[in-house]
N, C-alpha and C. Protein backbone atom coordinates (compact mmCIF):
# COMPACT_ATOMS: atom_id res chain seq x y z
N MET A 1 25.37 -50.67 -17.31
CA MET A 1 25.40 -51.94 -17.20
C MET A 1 26.16 -51.12 -19.23
N ASP A 2 27.51 -51.73 -19.15
CA ASP A 2 28.08 -51.39 -20.60
C ASP A 2 28.04 -52.69 -21.11
N PHE A 3 26.82 -52.72 -22.26
CA PHE A 3 26.81 -53.85 -22.97
C PHE A 3 27.98 -54.36 -24.01
N ALA A 4 29.20 -53.71 -24.01
CA ALA A 4 30.08 -54.12 -25.32
C ALA A 4 31.25 -54.94 -24.18
N ASP A 5 30.75 -55.09 -22.63
CA ASP A 5 31.73 -55.76 -21.67
C ASP A 5 31.06 -56.77 -21.52
N PRO A 6 31.08 -58.07 -21.83
CA PRO A 6 30.21 -58.93 -21.44
C PRO A 6 30.97 -59.47 -19.96
N ASN A 7 31.80 -59.21 -19.39
CA ASN A 7 31.97 -59.18 -18.03
C ASN A 7 31.59 -58.43 -17.15
N ASP A 8 31.26 -57.35 -17.29
CA ASP A 8 30.29 -56.65 -16.67
C ASP A 8 28.83 -56.82 -15.33
N THR A 9 29.45 -56.76 -14.51
CA THR A 9 28.38 -57.62 -13.39
C THR A 9 28.42 -56.64 -11.96
N ARG A 10 29.10 -55.33 -12.38
CA ARG A 10 29.67 -54.29 -11.13
C ARG A 10 27.81 -54.02 -10.42
N TYR A 11 26.60 -54.31 -10.91
CA TYR A 11 25.90 -54.43 -10.07
C TYR A 11 25.21 -55.62 -9.42
N GLY A 12 25.93 -56.55 -9.55
CA GLY A 12 25.39 -57.26 -9.06
C GLY A 12 24.70 -58.46 -9.84
N VAL A 13 24.47 -58.28 -10.62
CA VAL A 13 23.55 -59.12 -11.73
C VAL A 13 24.38 -60.30 -12.50
N GLU A 14 23.36 -61.09 -13.33
CA GLU A 14 24.49 -61.59 -13.77
C GLU A 14 25.07 -61.44 -14.85
N SER A 15 26.39 -62.54 -15.87
CA SER A 15 27.35 -61.55 -16.35
C SER A 15 26.27 -61.81 -17.88
N LEU A 16 26.55 -60.95 -18.18
CA LEU A 16 26.10 -60.34 -19.81
C LEU A 16 26.24 -61.78 -20.96
N THR A 17 27.12 -62.42 -20.50
CA THR A 17 27.36 -63.59 -20.96
C THR A 17 26.02 -64.46 -21.25
N ASN A 18 26.19 -64.67 -20.11
CA ASN A 18 24.97 -65.29 -19.60
C ASN A 18 23.37 -64.92 -20.46
N PHE A 19 23.58 -63.47 -19.58
CA PHE A 19 21.81 -62.80 -20.13
C PHE A 19 22.13 -63.32 -21.46
N ARG A 20 23.03 -62.86 -22.27
CA ARG A 20 22.72 -63.17 -23.56
C ARG A 20 22.69 -64.77 -24.43
N THR A 21 23.38 -65.49 -23.84
CA THR A 21 22.84 -67.13 -24.17
C THR A 21 21.38 -67.52 -23.58
N ARG A 22 20.71 -66.67 -22.49
CA ARG A 22 19.36 -67.24 -22.41
C ARG A 22 18.53 -66.50 -23.59
N ILE A 23 18.89 -65.03 -23.75
CA ILE A 23 17.74 -64.54 -24.86
C ILE A 23 18.16 -65.12 -25.94
N GLU A 24 19.58 -65.58 -26.71
CA GLU A 24 19.67 -66.32 -27.95
C GLU A 24 19.00 -67.55 -27.57
N GLU A 25 19.12 -68.38 -26.92
CA GLU A 25 18.64 -69.83 -26.93
C GLU A 25 16.80 -70.50 -26.37
N PHE A 26 16.32 -68.35 -26.18
CA PHE A 26 14.88 -68.71 -26.44
C PHE A 26 14.25 -68.08 -27.31
N PHE A 27 14.92 -67.18 -28.39
CA PHE A 27 14.93 -66.95 -29.79
C PHE A 27 14.91 -68.22 -30.62
N LYS A 28 15.84 -69.01 -30.46
CA LYS A 28 16.09 -70.27 -31.08
C LYS A 28 14.98 -71.23 -30.66
N GLU A 29 14.85 -71.65 -29.53
CA GLU A 29 13.64 -72.21 -29.23
C GLU A 29 12.22 -72.00 -29.69
N MET A 30 12.23 -70.35 -30.15
CA MET A 30 11.00 -70.03 -30.43
C MET A 30 10.85 -70.10 -32.11
N CYS A 31 11.75 -69.85 -32.56
CA CYS A 31 11.64 -69.90 -34.14
C CYS A 31 11.86 -71.58 -34.76
N ASN A 32 11.97 -72.51 -34.02
CA ASN A 32 12.23 -73.65 -34.28
C ASN A 32 10.80 -74.32 -33.24
N GLU A 33 10.75 -73.65 -32.37
CA GLU A 33 9.01 -74.51 -32.26
C GLU A 33 7.30 -73.46 -32.74
N TYR A 34 8.01 -73.11 -33.06
CA TYR A 34 6.82 -72.11 -33.90
C TYR A 34 6.99 -71.45 -35.45
N LYS A 35 7.86 -72.34 -36.33
CA LYS A 35 8.34 -71.66 -37.48
C LYS A 35 7.14 -71.62 -38.43
N ASN A 36 6.64 -70.80 -39.31
CA ASN A 36 5.60 -70.25 -39.64
C ASN A 36 4.54 -69.49 -38.98
N LYS A 37 4.79 -68.88 -37.74
CA LYS A 37 3.85 -69.01 -36.68
C LYS A 37 3.84 -66.94 -36.26
N ASP A 38 3.35 -66.36 -35.98
CA ASP A 38 3.63 -65.36 -35.52
C ASP A 38 3.62 -64.96 -34.34
N ILE A 39 4.74 -64.51 -33.78
CA ILE A 39 4.63 -64.87 -32.04
C ILE A 39 5.04 -62.72 -31.73
N LEU A 40 4.78 -62.88 -30.57
CA LEU A 40 4.73 -61.26 -30.12
C LEU A 40 5.55 -61.81 -28.92
N VAL A 41 6.92 -60.98 -28.80
CA VAL A 41 7.64 -60.78 -27.97
C VAL A 41 7.90 -59.48 -27.07
N VAL A 42 7.03 -59.21 -26.06
CA VAL A 42 7.25 -58.27 -25.35
C VAL A 42 8.02 -58.12 -24.50
N THR A 43 9.81 -57.20 -24.15
CA THR A 43 10.37 -56.85 -23.56
C THR A 43 11.27 -55.37 -23.65
N HIS A 44 12.54 -55.37 -22.59
CA HIS A 44 12.59 -54.42 -22.09
C HIS A 44 14.35 -53.63 -23.60
N ALA A 45 14.55 -53.08 -23.16
CA ALA A 45 15.59 -52.14 -23.60
C ALA A 45 16.78 -53.35 -23.49
N GLY A 46 17.36 -53.89 -22.92
CA GLY A 46 18.46 -54.75 -22.37
C GLY A 46 18.15 -55.99 -22.88
N VAL A 47 17.31 -56.46 -23.34
CA VAL A 47 16.98 -57.97 -24.21
C VAL A 47 16.67 -57.40 -25.75
N SER A 48 16.07 -56.36 -26.18
CA SER A 48 16.44 -55.99 -27.27
C SER A 48 17.46 -55.91 -27.82
N ILE A 49 18.72 -55.61 -27.27
CA ILE A 49 20.16 -55.01 -28.21
C ILE A 49 20.43 -56.65 -28.35
N TYR A 50 19.99 -58.21 -27.79
CA TYR A 50 20.65 -59.05 -27.58
C TYR A 50 19.41 -59.64 -29.02
N ALA A 51 18.18 -59.62 -28.99
CA ALA A 51 17.03 -59.70 -30.26
C ALA A 51 18.26 -59.18 -31.35
N LYS A 52 18.13 -57.99 -31.08
CA LYS A 52 18.69 -57.28 -32.02
C LYS A 52 19.88 -58.01 -33.19
N CYS A 53 20.76 -58.34 -31.86
CA CYS A 53 22.23 -59.18 -32.54
C CYS A 53 21.52 -60.69 -33.20
N PHE A 54 21.13 -60.99 -32.80
CA PHE A 54 20.41 -62.47 -32.62
C PHE A 54 19.78 -62.32 -34.45
N PHE A 55 18.79 -61.25 -34.56
CA PHE A 55 17.90 -61.44 -36.23
C PHE A 55 18.95 -60.79 -37.00
N GLU A 56 19.57 -59.63 -36.36
CA GLU A 56 20.49 -58.66 -37.29
C GLU A 56 21.87 -58.70 -37.70
N GLY A 57 22.67 -59.65 -36.54
CA GLY A 57 24.31 -59.42 -36.42
C GLY A 57 24.46 -58.74 -35.34
N GLU A 58 25.83 -58.64 -35.30
CA GLU A 58 26.15 -57.44 -34.34
C GLU A 58 26.31 -56.09 -34.96
N PRO A 59 26.77 -55.04 -34.49
CA PRO A 59 26.36 -53.58 -34.55
C PRO A 59 27.78 -53.40 -35.71
N ASP A 60 27.96 -52.88 -36.55
CA ASP A 60 29.68 -53.05 -37.01
C ASP A 60 30.51 -52.08 -36.33
N ASP A 61 29.57 -51.21 -35.82
CA ASP A 61 30.97 -50.60 -35.04
C ASP A 61 30.71 -50.75 -33.28
N GLY A 62 30.58 -51.83 -33.25
CA GLY A 62 30.37 -52.21 -31.79
C GLY A 62 29.47 -51.66 -30.35
N ASP A 63 28.74 -50.60 -31.13
CA ASP A 63 27.95 -49.75 -30.52
C ASP A 63 27.15 -50.45 -29.81
N TYR A 64 26.83 -50.75 -29.23
CA TYR A 64 25.71 -52.11 -28.94
C TYR A 64 24.18 -50.67 -28.27
N ASN A 65 24.69 -49.81 -27.76
CA ASN A 65 23.53 -48.86 -27.12
C ASN A 65 22.99 -48.54 -28.50
N LYS A 66 23.22 -48.56 -29.35
CA LYS A 66 22.05 -48.19 -30.45
C LYS A 66 21.30 -48.91 -31.42
N TYR A 67 21.21 -50.55 -30.79
CA TYR A 67 20.65 -51.48 -30.32
C TYR A 67 19.06 -51.21 -29.83
N LYS A 68 19.66 -50.83 -28.94
CA LYS A 68 18.31 -49.91 -27.71
C LYS A 68 16.76 -49.61 -28.08
N LEU A 69 15.98 -50.77 -27.96
CA LEU A 69 14.48 -50.10 -28.52
C LEU A 69 14.37 -49.10 -27.60
N LYS A 70 13.33 -47.94 -28.54
CA LYS A 70 13.03 -46.60 -27.89
C LYS A 70 11.69 -46.82 -27.60
N ASN A 71 11.24 -46.15 -26.40
CA ASN A 71 9.91 -46.31 -25.60
C ASN A 71 8.53 -46.72 -26.91
N CYS A 72 7.95 -47.44 -26.80
CA CYS A 72 7.14 -48.48 -27.50
C CYS A 72 7.87 -48.56 -28.97
N GLU A 73 8.04 -48.82 -29.21
CA GLU A 73 9.44 -49.32 -30.43
C GLU A 73 9.05 -50.67 -30.73
N VAL A 74 8.33 -51.18 -31.86
CA VAL A 74 8.17 -52.60 -32.43
C VAL A 74 9.00 -52.54 -33.72
N LEU A 75 9.50 -53.72 -33.03
CA LEU A 75 10.29 -54.39 -34.15
C LEU A 75 10.14 -55.76 -34.97
N LYS A 76 9.97 -55.75 -36.21
CA LYS A 76 10.10 -56.80 -36.70
C LYS A 76 10.35 -58.15 -37.84
N TYR A 77 10.39 -59.24 -37.33
CA TYR A 77 11.37 -60.34 -37.91
C TYR A 77 10.93 -61.19 -38.61
N GLU A 78 11.14 -61.59 -39.70
CA GLU A 78 10.67 -62.67 -40.42
C GLU A 78 11.79 -64.09 -39.65
N ASN A 79 10.92 -65.03 -39.48
CA ASN A 79 11.15 -66.38 -38.67
C ASN A 79 11.85 -67.06 -40.26
N ASN A 80 13.03 -67.30 -39.92
CA ASN A 80 14.31 -67.75 -40.89
C ASN A 80 15.66 -68.28 -40.54
N LYS A 81 15.21 -68.56 -39.21
CA LYS A 81 16.41 -69.04 -38.42
C LYS A 81 16.60 -70.52 -38.58
């Protein structure tokens, strides 16, 4: 999957645009619903890319692959959205 190409559907999966929109909507809902609460989200590397984009912004060099979680990596964000 090419995370830099929002139209990549070569494996018959939903478009990256739709995938990303679902992830962003989830995090917006969680930030609104659980403000000032601790939340644990367990996910895979594909979701982690757009989670990092949501909380940290786009990668400066456009390399989305470097945003993938490593095995057992933990990210922590403050709910300031």
